[in-house]
Amino acid sequence: MLKITLYSADKCPHCKSAKAFLKQRKLAFVELNVDRNRRAAKELQRLGARGLPFIVIGQQSLSGFDVKKLERMIASQQR
C-alpha cells in the first residue's frame, strides 16, 4: 500500500486539485495543512519544498500539482 502525504494550504487551488485527484483514484493519503499545523509547516521547510501542494510518496516528492508526474510517481511505487 502506498504511503502518501499531501501538504496543503487553505487557499491553495492546486492543493484542492491534488486532493480531488487522489480521492478520485481512491488513494488513501494523509493531508497536513500547513496553515493549521505548525509542525507540518516546519516539516515542509525541512523537506525543502518549493511550493504547494507538496506530495510525498515513499521516498519521492513533488512540489506543485502535475498530473503526469504524479501518475508516474504512483506507478513507480506500485511496482
N, C-alpha and C. Protein backbone atom coordinates (compact mmCIF):
# COMPACT_ATOMS: atom_id res chain seq x y z
N MET A 1 0.83 -1.18 0.00
CA MET A 1 0.00 0.00 0.00
C MET A 1 0.87 1.25 0.00
N LEU A 2 0.48 2.22 -0.79
CA LEU A 2 1.23 3.45 -0.90
C LEU A 2 1.07 4.30 0.36
N LYS A 3 2.15 4.93 0.76
CA LYS A 3 2.07 5.91 1.84
C LYS A 3 2.19 7.29 1.18
N ILE A 4 1.06 8.01 1.17
CA ILE A 4 1.01 9.31 0.50
C ILE A 4 0.73 10.39 1.53
N THR A 5 1.54 11.45 1.49
CA THR A 5 1.32 12.61 2.35
C THR A 5 1.17 13.82 1.45
N LEU A 6 0.11 14.58 1.68
CA LEU A 6 -0.18 15.78 0.92
C LEU A 6 -0.09 16.98 1.85
N TYR A 7 0.88 17.85 1.62
CA TYR A 7 0.99 19.10 2.37
C TYR A 7 0.18 20.13 1.60
N SER A 8 -0.72 20.82 2.29
CA SER A 8 -1.62 21.74 1.62
C SER A 8 -1.80 23.02 2.43
N ALA A 9 -2.51 23.97 1.82
CA ALA A 9 -2.87 25.22 2.49
C ALA A 9 -4.33 25.52 2.16
N ASP A 10 -4.97 26.28 3.02
CA ASP A 10 -6.40 26.56 2.89
C ASP A 10 -6.80 27.18 1.55
N LYS A 11 -6.09 28.17 1.11
CA LYS A 11 -6.49 28.92 -0.09
C LYS A 11 -5.72 28.52 -1.35
N CYS A 12 -5.18 27.34 -1.37
CA CYS A 12 -4.37 26.86 -2.50
C CYS A 12 -5.25 26.06 -3.46
N PRO A 13 -5.55 26.61 -4.64
CA PRO A 13 -6.40 25.88 -5.59
C PRO A 13 -5.75 24.60 -6.11
N HIS A 14 -4.43 24.62 -6.26
CA HIS A 14 -3.73 23.42 -6.73
C HIS A 14 -3.75 22.31 -5.68
N CYS A 15 -3.78 22.71 -4.42
CA CYS A 15 -3.91 21.73 -3.33
C CYS A 15 -5.26 21.03 -3.41
N LYS A 16 -6.30 21.80 -3.67
CA LYS A 16 -7.64 21.23 -3.82
C LYS A 16 -7.69 20.27 -5.01
N SER A 17 -7.02 20.63 -6.10
CA SER A 17 -6.98 19.76 -7.28
C SER A 17 -6.24 18.46 -6.99
N ALA A 18 -5.12 18.57 -6.28
CA ALA A 18 -4.35 17.37 -5.94
C ALA A 18 -5.16 16.45 -5.03
N LYS A 19 -5.84 17.04 -4.08
CA LYS A 19 -6.68 16.26 -3.16
C LYS A 19 -7.79 15.55 -3.93
N ALA A 20 -8.44 16.25 -4.85
CA ALA A 20 -9.50 15.66 -5.66
C ALA A 20 -8.95 14.53 -6.54
N PHE A 21 -7.77 14.72 -7.09
CA PHE A 21 -7.11 13.70 -7.91
C PHE A 21 -6.92 12.42 -7.11
N LEU A 22 -6.37 12.55 -5.90
CA LEU A 22 -6.12 11.38 -5.06
C LEU A 22 -7.41 10.69 -4.64
N LYS A 23 -8.41 11.49 -4.29
CA LYS A 23 -9.70 10.92 -3.89
C LYS A 23 -10.37 10.21 -5.06
N GLN A 24 -10.32 10.81 -6.24
CA GLN A 24 -10.94 10.23 -7.42
C GLN A 24 -10.34 8.85 -7.74
N ARG A 25 -9.06 8.71 -7.48
CA ARG A 25 -8.39 7.43 -7.74
C ARG A 25 -8.44 6.49 -6.53
N LYS A 26 -9.20 6.91 -5.52
CA LYS A 26 -9.41 6.12 -4.31
C LYS A 26 -8.08 5.74 -3.63
N LEU A 27 -7.16 6.70 -3.59
CA LEU A 27 -5.88 6.50 -2.95
C LEU A 27 -5.93 7.11 -1.55
N ALA A 28 -5.56 6.33 -0.57
CA ALA A 28 -5.53 6.82 0.81
C ALA A 28 -4.34 7.76 0.96
N PHE A 29 -4.55 8.85 1.67
CA PHE A 29 -3.47 9.80 1.90
C PHE A 29 -3.72 10.55 3.20
N VAL A 30 -2.63 11.09 3.72
CA VAL A 30 -2.69 11.93 4.91
C VAL A 30 -2.50 13.36 4.43
N GLU A 31 -3.43 14.24 4.81
CA GLU A 31 -3.31 15.65 4.45
C GLU A 31 -2.81 16.42 5.67
N LEU A 32 -1.74 17.18 5.46
CA LEU A 32 -1.20 18.04 6.50
C LEU A 32 -1.32 19.48 6.03
N ASN A 33 -2.20 20.22 6.68
CA ASN A 33 -2.46 21.59 6.31
C ASN A 33 -1.48 22.51 7.03
N VAL A 34 -0.62 23.17 6.27
CA VAL A 34 0.43 24.00 6.87
C VAL A 34 -0.12 25.30 7.46
N ASP A 35 -1.33 25.68 7.09
CA ASP A 35 -1.95 26.87 7.69
C ASP A 35 -2.43 26.58 9.11
N ARG A 36 -2.80 25.35 9.36
CA ARG A 36 -3.39 24.99 10.65
C ARG A 36 -2.46 24.17 11.55
N ASN A 37 -1.35 23.71 11.00
CA ASN A 37 -0.49 22.79 11.72
C ASN A 37 0.96 23.29 11.65
N ARG A 38 1.42 23.88 12.74
CA ARG A 38 2.79 24.43 12.78
C ARG A 38 3.85 23.35 12.55
N ARG A 39 3.61 22.20 13.13
CA ARG A 39 4.58 21.10 12.98
C ARG A 39 4.71 20.72 11.50
N ALA A 40 3.58 20.68 10.80
CA ALA A 40 3.60 20.35 9.37
C ALA A 40 4.33 21.42 8.58
N ALA A 41 4.14 22.69 8.95
CA ALA A 41 4.82 23.79 8.27
C ALA A 41 6.34 23.69 8.45
N LYS A 42 6.78 23.36 9.64
CA LYS A 42 8.21 23.21 9.90
C LYS A 42 8.76 22.00 9.15
N GLU A 43 8.00 20.92 9.14
CA GLU A 43 8.42 19.71 8.42
C GLU A 43 8.54 20.01 6.92
N LEU A 44 7.63 20.78 6.39
CA LEU A 44 7.65 21.15 4.98
C LEU A 44 8.92 21.92 4.66
N GLN A 45 9.31 22.85 5.53
CA GLN A 45 10.55 23.60 5.34
C GLN A 45 11.75 22.66 5.37
N ARG A 46 11.74 21.74 6.33
CA ARG A 46 12.84 20.79 6.47
C ARG A 46 13.00 19.93 5.22
N LEU A 47 11.88 19.61 4.60
CA LEU A 47 11.91 18.79 3.39
C LEU A 47 12.37 19.56 2.16
N GLY A 48 12.46 20.88 2.29
CA GLY A 48 12.95 21.70 1.18
C GLY A 48 11.90 21.93 0.09
N ALA A 49 10.65 21.91 0.46
CA ALA A 49 9.57 22.11 -0.51
C ALA A 49 9.69 23.49 -1.14
N ARG A 50 9.39 23.54 -2.44
CA ARG A 50 9.45 24.81 -3.15
C ARG A 50 8.08 25.35 -3.51
N GLY A 51 7.04 24.68 -3.06
CA GLY A 51 5.70 25.14 -3.35
C GLY A 51 4.66 24.16 -2.84
N LEU A 52 3.43 24.57 -2.96
CA LEU A 52 2.31 23.73 -2.56
C LEU A 52 1.44 23.45 -3.77
N PRO A 53 0.79 22.32 -3.79
CA PRO A 53 0.90 21.26 -2.80
C PRO A 53 2.27 20.61 -2.87
N PHE A 54 2.64 19.96 -1.80
CA PHE A 54 3.86 19.16 -1.76
C PHE A 54 3.41 17.75 -1.43
N ILE A 55 3.73 16.84 -2.32
CA ILE A 55 3.24 15.46 -2.19
C ILE A 55 4.43 14.53 -2.01
N VAL A 56 4.34 13.68 -1.00
CA VAL A 56 5.39 12.70 -0.74
C VAL A 56 4.77 11.31 -0.88
N ILE A 57 5.41 10.51 -1.74
CA ILE A 57 5.00 9.11 -1.91
C ILE A 57 6.25 8.27 -1.76
N GLY A 58 6.30 7.52 -0.68
CA GLY A 58 7.51 6.73 -0.40
C GLY A 58 8.69 7.67 -0.22
N GLN A 59 9.73 7.48 -1.02
CA GLN A 59 10.93 8.32 -0.96
C GLN A 59 10.92 9.44 -2.00
N GLN A 60 9.85 9.53 -2.77
CA GLN A 60 9.76 10.54 -3.83
C GLN A 60 8.89 11.70 -3.38
N SER A 61 9.17 12.88 -3.94
CA SER A 61 8.34 14.04 -3.60
C SER A 61 8.11 14.89 -4.85
N LEU A 62 7.06 15.67 -4.79
CA LEU A 62 6.67 16.53 -5.90
C LEU A 62 6.17 17.86 -5.35
N SER A 63 6.78 18.96 -5.81
CA SER A 63 6.29 20.30 -5.48
C SER A 63 5.34 20.73 -6.59
N GLY A 64 4.16 21.17 -6.21
CA GLY A 64 3.17 21.57 -7.19
C GLY A 64 2.30 20.40 -7.60
N PHE A 65 1.35 20.68 -8.48
CA PHE A 65 0.43 19.63 -8.93
C PHE A 65 0.60 19.44 -10.43
N ASP A 66 1.27 18.36 -10.79
CA ASP A 66 1.49 17.98 -12.19
C ASP A 66 0.95 16.56 -12.33
N VAL A 67 -0.17 16.42 -13.02
CA VAL A 67 -0.85 15.12 -13.12
C VAL A 67 0.07 14.04 -13.66
N LYS A 68 0.77 14.32 -14.74
CA LYS A 68 1.63 13.30 -15.36
C LYS A 68 2.75 12.86 -14.42
N LYS A 69 3.40 13.82 -13.78
CA LYS A 69 4.46 13.47 -12.83
C LYS A 69 3.90 12.67 -11.66
N LEU A 70 2.75 13.09 -11.17
CA LEU A 70 2.13 12.39 -10.04
C LEU A 70 1.74 10.97 -10.43
N GLU A 71 1.18 10.79 -11.61
CA GLU A 71 0.83 9.44 -12.08
C GLU A 71 2.07 8.56 -12.20
N ARG A 72 3.19 9.13 -12.69
CA ARG A 72 4.44 8.36 -12.78
C ARG A 72 4.95 7.97 -11.40
N MET A 73 4.85 8.89 -10.44
CA MET A 73 5.29 8.58 -9.08
C MET A 73 4.47 7.44 -8.51
N ILE A 74 3.16 7.51 -8.68
CA ILE A 74 2.28 6.47 -8.15
C ILE A 74 2.58 5.13 -8.81
N ALA A 75 2.74 5.14 -10.12
CA ALA A 75 3.02 3.89 -10.85
C ALA A 75 4.33 3.28 -10.41
N SER A 76 5.36 4.11 -10.19
CA SER A 76 6.66 3.57 -9.80
C SER A 76 6.63 2.97 -8.40
N GLN A 77 5.75 3.46 -7.54
CA GLN A 77 5.64 2.94 -6.18
C GLN A 77 4.77 1.69 -6.10
N GLN A 78 3.93 1.46 -7.11
CA GLN A 78 3.05 0.31 -7.09
C GLN A 78 3.67 -0.95 -7.66
N ARG A 79 4.88 -0.83 -8.16
CA ARG A 79 5.58 -2.00 -8.73
C ARG A 79 6.07 -2.93 -7.66
